[in-house]
Protein backbone atom coordinates (compact mmCIF):
# COMPACT_ATOMS: atom_id res chain seq x y z
CA UNK A 1 0.07 0.02 0.05
CA UNK A 2 1.37 3.51 -0.92
CA UNK A 3 2.34 5.44 2.09
CA UNK A 4 0.03 8.49 2.52
CA UNK A 5 1.87 11.87 2.60
CA UNK A 6 -0.75 14.50 3.90
CA UNK A 7 1.63 17.39 2.82
CA UNK A 8 2.18 15.71 -0.57
CA UNK A 9 5.61 16.70 -2.03
CA UNK A 10 5.26 20.07 -0.20
CA UNK A 11 7.21 19.88 2.82
CA UNK A 12 8.22 23.55 2.82
CA UNK A 13 8.50 26.66 0.79
CA UNK A 14 11.70 28.41 0.14
CA UNK A 15 11.87 31.96 -1.34
CA UNK A 16 15.03 33.91 -2.45
CA UNK A 17 14.58 37.65 -1.72
CA UNK A 18 18.22 38.43 -2.42
CA UNK A 19 18.90 41.41 -4.43
CA UNK A 20 15.23 42.24 -5.08
CA UNK A 21 14.08 46.00 -5.79
CA UNK A 22 11.74 48.00 -3.78
CA UNK A 23 9.27 47.84 -6.80
CA UNK A 24 9.55 44.13 -7.15
CA UNK A 25 8.92 43.71 -3.33
CA UNK A 26 5.69 45.69 -3.26
CA UNK A 27 3.96 43.67 -5.97
CA UNK A 28 5.29 40.36 -4.65
CA UNK A 29 4.02 41.39 -1.18
CA UNK A 30 0.50 41.58 -2.22
CA UNK A 31 0.77 38.23 -4.12
CA UNK A 32 2.27 36.22 -1.23
CA UNK A 33 1.24 37.86 1.98
CA UNK A 34 -2.24 36.16 2.37
CA UNK A 35 -0.79 33.01 1.08
CA UNK A 36 2.03 32.84 3.60
CA UNK A 37 -0.28 33.10 6.47
CA UNK A 38 -2.29 30.22 5.37
CA UNK A 39 0.50 27.97 4.21
CA UNK A 40 0.25 24.36 5.60
CA UNK A 41 3.95 24.11 5.73
CA UNK A 42 6.97 26.21 6.94
CA UNK A 43 7.85 29.20 4.70
CA UNK A 44 11.67 30.15 4.52
CA UNK A 45 13.17 33.24 3.03
CA UNK A 46 16.73 33.69 1.95
CA UNK A 47 17.31 37.47 2.44
CA UNK A 48 20.27 39.70 1.88
CA UNK A 49 22.34 40.73 -1.20
CA UNK A 50 22.93 38.12 -3.92
CA UNK A 51 26.51 37.49 -4.58
CA UNK A 52 28.06 36.71 -7.88
CA UNK A 53 28.62 32.87 -8.56
CA UNK A 54 26.45 31.88 -5.54
CA UNK A 55 23.89 29.27 -6.26
CA UNK A 56 20.25 29.93 -5.42
CA UNK A 57 20.26 27.28 -2.63
CA UNK A 58 22.74 25.00 -1.12
CA UNK A 59 24.14 21.96 -2.76
CA UNK A 60 21.51 19.84 -4.71
CA UNK A 61 18.62 22.15 -3.58
CA UNK A 62 19.57 24.78 -6.23
CA UNK A 63 15.85 25.22 -7.21
CA UNK A 64 13.46 28.08 -7.67
CA UNK A 65 9.78 27.80 -6.87
CA UNK A 66 7.07 30.11 -7.97
CA UNK A 67 3.80 29.61 -6.05
CA UNK A 68 0.62 28.79 -8.22
CA UNK A 69 -1.04 32.25 -6.95
CA UNK A 70 -1.15 33.93 -10.21
CA UNK A 71 -4.29 36.02 -10.20
CA UNK A 72 -5.09 36.20 -13.86
CA UNK A 73 -7.64 34.32 -15.70
CA UNK A 74 -5.23 31.23 -15.88
CA UNK A 75 -3.90 30.76 -12.36
CA UNK A 76 -1.77 27.86 -13.22
CA UNK A 77 0.08 29.66 -16.01
CA UNK A 78 3.87 29.80 -15.70
CA UNK A 79 6.28 30.42 -18.30
CA UNK A 80 10.06 29.90 -18.28
CA UNK A 81 12.35 32.01 -20.56
CA UNK A 82 15.96 31.73 -20.80
CA UNK A 83 17.53 35.23 -20.64
CA UNK A 84 19.39 36.37 -23.63
CA UNK A 85 23.29 36.73 -23.25
CA UNK A 86 23.47 34.83 -20.25
CA UNK A 87 23.09 31.01 -20.36
CA UNK A 88 23.24 30.78 -16.80
CA UNK A 89 20.19 32.99 -16.15
CA UNK A 90 16.56 32.10 -15.98
CA UNK A 91 13.69 34.39 -15.78
CA UNK A 92 10.33 33.10 -14.55
CA UNK A 93 7.20 34.89 -15.73
CA UNK A 94 4.01 34.14 -13.78
CA UNK A 95 1.11 35.00 -16.06
CA UNK A 96 -0.17 37.77 -14.08
CA UNK A 97 0.58 40.91 -16.28
CA UNK A 98 3.98 41.36 -14.78
CA UNK A 99 6.14 39.62 -17.15
CA UNK A 100 9.41 40.54 -15.27
CA UNK A 101 8.25 39.17 -11.91
CA UNK A 102 10.99 36.98 -11.08
CA UNK A 103 14.58 36.51 -12.01
CA UNK A 104 16.73 33.93 -10.69
CA UNK A 105 20.35 33.01 -11.57
CA UNK A 106 21.56 29.36 -11.69
CA UNK A 107 25.08 30.02 -11.34
CA UNK A 108 26.64 26.61 -12.81
CA UNK A 109 25.93 27.95 -16.43
CA UNK A 110 23.50 25.09 -16.52
CA UNK A 111 19.99 26.44 -16.96
CA UNK A 112 18.50 23.10 -16.23
CA UNK A 113 19.95 23.30 -12.64
CA UNK A 114 16.88 25.55 -11.90
CA UNK A 115 13.50 23.88 -11.40
CA UNK A 116 10.48 25.87 -10.96
CA UNK A 117 7.49 24.23 -9.02
CA UNK A 118 4.04 25.47 -8.40
CA UNK A 119 2.85 25.17 -4.79
CA UNK A 120 0.78 21.79 -4.39
CA UNK A 121 -2.72 22.14 -3.79
CA UNK A 122 -3.61 24.78 -6.43
CA UNK A 123 -5.94 23.64 -9.11
CA UNK A 124 -3.52 25.10 -11.65
CA UNK A 125 -0.26 23.96 -10.14
CA UNK A 126 2.47 22.96 -12.60
CA UNK A 127 6.01 21.76 -12.44
CA UNK A 128 8.03 23.38 -15.10
CA UNK A 129 11.93 22.46 -15.81
CA UNK A 130 14.00 25.20 -17.36
CA UNK A 131 14.96 24.32 -21.01
CA UNK A 132 18.12 22.21 -21.25
CA UNK A 133 16.67 19.84 -23.91
CA UNK A 134 14.25 18.46 -21.29
CA UNK A 135 11.26 20.31 -22.33
CA UNK A 136 8.97 18.05 -20.26
CA UNK A 137 7.57 18.61 -16.79
CA UNK A 138 9.99 17.92 -14.01
CA UNK A 139 9.17 16.91 -10.41
CA UNK A 140 12.18 18.60 -8.89
CA UNK A 141 13.49 17.51 -5.39
CA UNK A 142 12.76 20.68 -3.45
CA UNK A 143 9.97 22.79 -2.81
CA UNK A 144 12.02 26.07 -3.22
CA UNK A 145 11.10 29.33 -4.38
CA UNK A 146 12.73 32.42 -5.64
CA UNK A 147 10.50 35.62 -5.52
CA UNK A 148 11.63 39.19 -5.91
CA UNK A 149 10.71 40.61 -2.59
CA UNK A 150 12.85 42.32 0.23
CA UNK A 151 11.99 43.61 3.51
CA UNK A 152 8.31 44.19 3.14
CA UNK A 153 7.95 40.41 2.86
CA UNK A 154 10.37 39.25 5.37
CA UNK A 155 8.12 39.41 8.29
CA UNK A 156 5.66 37.20 6.62
CA UNK A 157 7.92 34.25 6.64
CA UNK A 158 8.20 31.61 9.27
CA UNK A 159 11.96 31.63 8.95
CA UNK A 160 14.44 34.04 7.32
CA UNK A 161 17.99 33.02 6.63
CA UNK A 162 20.95 35.15 5.56
CA UNK A 163 23.26 32.22 4.79
CA UNK A 164 22.31 29.68 2.10
CA UNK A 165 24.58 26.98 3.61
CA UNK A 166 22.14 27.04 6.54
CA UNK A 167 19.57 25.45 4.25
CA UNK A 168 21.12 22.17 4.44
CA UNK A 169 20.34 21.70 8.23
CA UNK A 170 17.04 23.28 8.13
CA UNK A 171 15.71 21.32 4.91
CA UNK A 172 16.99 17.88 6.46
CA UNK A 173 15.31 18.72 9.75
CA UNK A 174 11.84 19.55 7.98
CA UNK A 175 12.23 16.55 5.68
CA UNK A 176 12.87 14.26 8.56
CA UNK A 177 9.72 15.40 10.51
CA UNK A 178 7.39 17.30 8.12
CA UNK A 179 4.33 17.19 10.43
CA UNK A 180 6.02 18.38 13.44
CA UNK A 181 7.65 21.16 11.32
CA UNK A 182 4.34 22.29 9.84
CA UNK A 183 2.53 22.15 13.11
CA UNK A 184 5.45 24.37 14.66
CA UNK A 185 5.12 26.98 12.03
CA UNK A 186 1.29 27.31 12.40
CA UNK A 187 1.79 27.26 16.12
CA UNK A 188 4.20 30.23 15.96
CA UNK A 189 2.04 32.18 13.81
CA UNK A 190 -0.77 32.00 16.10
CA UNK A 191 1.13 32.53 19.30
CA UNK A 192 2.91 35.46 17.91
CA UNK A 193 -0.30 37.59 18.39
CA UNK A 194 -1.93 35.47 21.30
CA UNK A 195 -2.09 35.91 24.95
CA UNK A 196 0.03 33.87 27.45
CA UNK A 197 -3.29 31.81 28.16
CA UNK A 198 -4.25 31.46 24.49
CA UNK A 199 -0.71 30.47 23.52
CA UNK A 200 -0.11 27.70 26.08
CA UNK A 201 -3.58 26.23 25.20
CA UNK A 202 -2.70 26.24 21.69
CA UNK A 203 0.73 24.71 22.48
CA UNK A 204 -0.58 21.93 24.49
CA UNK A 205 -3.34 20.92 21.95
CA UNK A 206 -0.56 20.85 19.24
CA UNK A 207 1.87 18.95 21.29
CA UNK A 208 -0.83 16.43 22.37
CA UNK A 209 -1.78 15.85 18.76
CA UNK A 210 1.76 15.05 17.78
CA UNK A 211 2.13 12.68 20.58
CA UNK A 212 -0.39 10.54 18.78
CA UNK A 213 1.42 10.92 15.50
CA UNK A 214 3.65 8.80 13.37
CA UNK A 215 6.91 10.79 13.78
CA UNK A 216 6.85 10.77 17.73
CA UNK A 217 5.94 7.13 17.55
CA UNK A 218 8.90 6.37 15.22
CA UNK A 219 11.17 8.35 17.72
CA UNK A 220 9.90 6.37 20.67
CA UNK A 221 10.57 3.07 18.96
CA UNK A 222 14.32 4.19 18.43
CA UNK A 223 14.65 5.53 22.01
CA UNK A 224 16.73 3.46 24.31
CA UNK A 225 14.77 1.39 26.86
CA UNK A 226 14.09 3.41 30.23
CA UNK A 227 16.79 2.87 32.95
CA UNK A 228 15.67 1.21 36.14
CA UNK A 229 14.19 3.80 38.29
CA UNK A 230 16.55 5.28 41.21
CA UNK A 231 15.11 6.27 44.55
CA UNK A 232 15.69 10.01 45.01
CA UNK A 233 15.91 10.90 48.52
CA UNK A 234 15.76 14.76 48.03
CA UNK A 235 12.79 16.64 46.47
CA UNK A 236 13.13 17.37 42.81
CA UNK A 237 12.86 21.15 43.65
CA UNK A 238 14.16 22.80 46.78
CA UNK A 239 11.92 25.55 48.05
CA UNK A 240 13.07 27.92 50.89
CA UNK A 241 12.13 31.40 51.89
CA UNK A 242 14.30 34.35 53.33
CA UNK A 243 12.00 37.38 54.14
CA UNK A 244 10.45 38.68 50.99
CA UNK A 245 12.64 36.38 48.70
CA UNK A 246 11.61 32.87 47.54
CA UNK A 247 14.43 30.59 46.32
CA UNK A 248 13.54 27.76 44.00
CA UNK A 249 16.59 25.33 42.95
CA UNK A 250 16.12 22.48 40.49
CA UNK A 251 17.59 19.47 42.33
CA UNK A 252 18.22 16.40 40.16
CA UNK A 253 22.06 17.05 39.69
CA UNK A 254 22.85 13.44 38.93
CA UNK A 255 20.52 13.74 35.96
CA UNK A 256 21.42 17.21 34.72
CA UNK A 257 18.10 18.12 36.38
CA UNK A 258 16.17 16.30 33.68
CA UNK A 259 12.55 17.66 33.84
CA UNK A 260 10.30 14.88 35.58
CA UNK A 261 6.90 14.92 36.74
CA UNK A 262 8.00 15.37 40.42
CA UNK A 263 9.97 18.50 39.31
CA UNK A 264 7.04 19.90 37.41
CA UNK A 265 4.76 19.46 40.37
CA UNK A 266 7.15 20.91 42.83
CA UNK A 267 8.17 23.84 40.57
CA UNK A 268 4.17 24.58 40.33
CA UNK A 269 3.82 24.25 44.06
CA UNK A 270 6.61 27.03 44.62
CA UNK A 271 5.40 29.38 41.97
CA UNK A 272 1.80 29.06 43.11
CA UNK A 273 3.00 29.91 46.66
CA UNK A 274 4.62 33.12 45.20
CA UNK A 275 1.42 33.98 43.25
CA UNK A 276 -0.70 33.57 46.42
CA UNK A 277 1.51 35.71 48.66
CA UNK A 278 2.06 39.11 47.43
CA UNK A 279 4.60 39.42 50.39
CA UNK A 280 7.07 37.62 48.25
CA UNK A 281 8.78 40.42 46.31
CA UNK A 282 11.57 38.24 44.59
CA UNK A 283 11.59 34.80 43.17
CA UNK A 284 15.00 33.22 42.42
CA UNK A 285 15.28 30.13 40.34
CA UNK A 286 18.53 28.19 39.66
CA UNK A 287 19.73 24.76 39.17
CA UNK A 288 22.06 22.57 41.44
CA UNK A 289 24.85 20.43 39.62
CA UNK A 290 26.55 20.87 36.32
CA UNK A 291 23.34 21.98 34.29
CA UNK A 292 20.45 24.10 34.96
CA UNK A 293 18.05 21.72 33.09
CA UNK A 294 18.88 19.15 30.32
CA UNK A 295 15.26 19.08 29.19
CA UNK A 296 12.58 16.57 29.56
CA UNK A 297 13.26 13.25 31.39
CA UNK A 298 13.61 10.95 28.46
CA UNK A 299 12.77 7.94 30.55
CA UNK A 300 9.47 9.56 30.99
CA UNK A 301 8.71 10.15 27.39
CA UNK A 302 5.72 8.18 26.07
CA UNK A 303 4.35 7.32 29.54
CA UNK A 304 1.34 9.33 29.21
CA UNK A 305 -2.04 7.45 29.40
CA UNK A 306 -3.39 9.17 26.07
CA UNK A 307 -3.08 12.62 24.44
CA UNK A 308 -6.33 13.97 25.91
CA UNK A 309 -5.35 13.28 29.40
CA UNK A 310 -1.88 14.60 28.76
CA UNK A 311 -3.45 17.90 27.43
CA UNK A 312 -5.69 17.98 30.60
CA UNK A 313 -2.78 17.59 32.95
CA UNK A 314 -0.59 20.19 31.16
CA UNK A 315 -3.49 22.60 31.50
CA UNK A 316 -4.05 22.03 35.19
CA UNK A 317 -0.22 21.71 36.21
CA UNK A 318 1.67 24.06 34.02
CA UNK A 319 4.84 25.44 35.26
CA UNK A 320 4.70 27.79 32.26
CA UNK A 321 1.52 29.20 33.32
CA UNK A 322 2.42 29.51 36.95
CA UNK A 323 5.80 31.35 36.07
CA UNK A 324 4.16 33.64 33.68
CA UNK A 325 1.80 34.75 36.49
CA UNK A 326 4.74 35.85 38.49
CA UNK A 327 7.16 36.63 35.91
CA UNK A 328 7.78 40.15 36.85
CA UNK A 329 9.22 38.99 40.27
CA UNK A 330 11.25 36.14 38.76
CA UNK A 331 15.03 36.05 38.33
CA UNK A 332 16.64 32.95 36.91
CA UNK A 333 20.09 32.14 36.68
CA UNK A 334 21.04 29.34 34.13
CA UNK A 335 24.28 27.41 33.47
CA UNK A 336 25.50 24.47 31.46
CA UNK A 337 22.77 22.68 29.37
CA UNK A 338 19.63 24.63 29.05
CA UNK A 339 17.57 22.36 26.73
CA UNK A 340 13.86 22.24 26.04
CA UNK A 341 12.13 23.28 29.31
CA UNK A 342 15.62 24.33 30.55
CA UNK A 343 15.07 27.52 28.26
CA UNK A 344 11.53 27.62 27.68
CA UNK A 345 10.40 28.28 31.30
CA UNK A 346 13.36 30.54 32.34
CA UNK A 347 12.38 32.82 29.28
CA UNK A 348 9.14 33.70 30.89
CA UNK A 349 11.18 35.54 33.74
CA UNK A 350 11.66 39.38 33.87
CA UNK A 351 15.48 38.88 34.39
CA UNK A 352 17.32 35.95 32.87
CA UNK A 353 21.18 35.59 33.15
CA UNK A 354 23.54 32.87 32.18
CA UNK A 355 26.90 31.71 33.09
CA UNK A 356 29.42 31.97 30.20
CA UNK A 357 29.47 28.29 29.37
CA UNK A 358 25.67 27.90 29.09
CA UNK A 359 24.11 26.96 25.84
CA UNK A 360 20.55 26.56 24.74
CA UNK A 361 18.79 24.08 22.52
CA UNK A 362 15.29 23.14 21.26
CA UNK A 363 15.34 19.70 20.10
CA UNK A 364 11.61 18.75 20.01
CA UNK A 365 10.93 18.83 16.33
CA UNK A 366 13.61 16.32 15.81
CA UNK A 367 11.57 13.90 18.14
CA UNK A 368 8.30 14.59 16.24
CA UNK A 369 6.94 17.15 18.60
CA UNK A 370 6.98 20.89 19.17
CA UNK A 371 8.29 22.68 22.32
CA UNK A 372 5.88 21.90 24.98
CA UNK A 373 6.94 23.47 28.19
CA UNK A 374 5.83 27.02 27.03
CA UNK A 375 8.61 27.83 24.70
CA UNK A 376 6.46 28.77 21.72
CA UNK A 377 5.01 31.43 23.95
CA UNK A 378 7.99 32.73 26.16
CA UNK A 379 10.73 32.35 23.49
CA UNK A 380 8.69 33.59 20.89
CA UNK A 381 7.89 36.83 22.81
CA UNK A 382 11.55 37.32 23.61
CA UNK A 383 13.15 36.80 20.19
CA UNK A 384 10.31 36.67 17.77
CA UNK A 385 8.69 33.72 15.83
CA UNK A 386 11.28 33.55 13.12
CA UNK A 387 14.35 33.17 15.48
CA UNK A 388 12.25 30.76 17.56
CA UNK A 389 11.56 28.65 14.42
CA UNK A 390 15.26 28.62 13.68
CA UNK A 391 16.13 27.27 17.10
CA UNK A 392 13.45 24.58 16.87
CA UNK A 393 13.88 23.43 13.23
CA UNK A 394 17.73 23.59 13.28
CA UNK A 395 17.89 22.02 16.79
CA UNK A 396 21.43 23.84 16.86
CA UNK A 397 22.89 24.69 20.25
CA UNK A 398 23.14 28.38 20.75
CA UNK A 399 25.88 30.00 22.95
CA UNK A 400 25.36 32.62 25.49
CA UNK A 401 26.80 35.50 23.37
CA UNK A 402 24.34 34.60 20.58
CA UNK A 403 21.55 34.27 22.92
CA UNK A 404 22.36 37.87 24.45
CA UNK A 405 22.47 39.37 20.82
CA UNK A 406 19.10 37.67 20.12
CA UNK A 407 17.37 38.78 23.42
CA UNK A 408 16.98 35.31 24.61
CA UNK A 409 19.00 36.07 27.82
CA UNK A 410 19.38 39.50 29.64
CA UNK A 411 22.79 39.12 30.54
CA UNK A 412 26.00 37.03 30.94
CA UNK A 413 27.44 36.67 34.46
CA UNK A 414 31.01 37.94 35.06
CA UNK A 415 31.21 39.93 31.88
């Protein structure tokens, strides 16, 4: 039986905005703006000035895609014309009365290197290969786009890259888990304009949906068997009060403070105490051991009874919601590994500082999930949805200097 692909071959949309003029940007903005907000997959823009002899995309993905959104009488009409005097240049004309709409250079002097693909799902969608003796329709391997738009369009994309070399990592992550990547893009679009409550509710619903999906099931099947449970004689979170200050310390140093059920419940207890007592003027959160928090305890992943119950639990016992309620009084100091919940929760705080060796990572998409500890709300509000999407889709570690430049943290200690 043929495997069902709900997104078809359209796992993402890539648009090359480099070198676009302001006039081109305005016309393209009108064409793409509404479509980008409803796109069922992530949209990626390459921004910045084009450089001579630089391919449109990295490696084998040197492709150009024109979305089938032509507004004329023939919405699927797409024509490809080799530019005169430059065998490596391809001009794509969407039949909208703007024949010079898009110009793309395939730098290898092989016009066939450029593939133009219409976005799937449009009645008139077509795939056109630049003439190289292959005049037929091609399938192409990437759903990539090159459109002449600059700054007016950038804010509408899910992710903006300035370096084409970053594409390989992003593309491989999306293609490995297209459902999680698509869910992340839609969730961040929603949460960018939502309240904390609305954002956390949406995040939990999306997370629960993906918990029942094939990508998370595949990750679970490959995950090593849980290690035998070890009795922990100290609470997962230490709670102490001195005068008007409440101190919370993550206390599973032997597991790099992996975020477990007990830690979740104890942290909620401490934060709710602060919410109920206006006499507590300061809440200080840090972690014991070599790391602040290495993310969710992998031994507990997949132990939820069912997605609906898991959603109900997240809504009633949510450290993210509890921290957001007292965020103005919260000061968090992080160090070492700050993975998943280890950065999603601290990002709610009014003051977040890091030791110089700290690093940050959102690996959930590679597990078939989205950040589920509030990160699509907290991190999105700190650094914007595009930078949040980059962290989640690339799963790359971010050092403290980069985090400070982005606004993910507020300061680096001892500097």
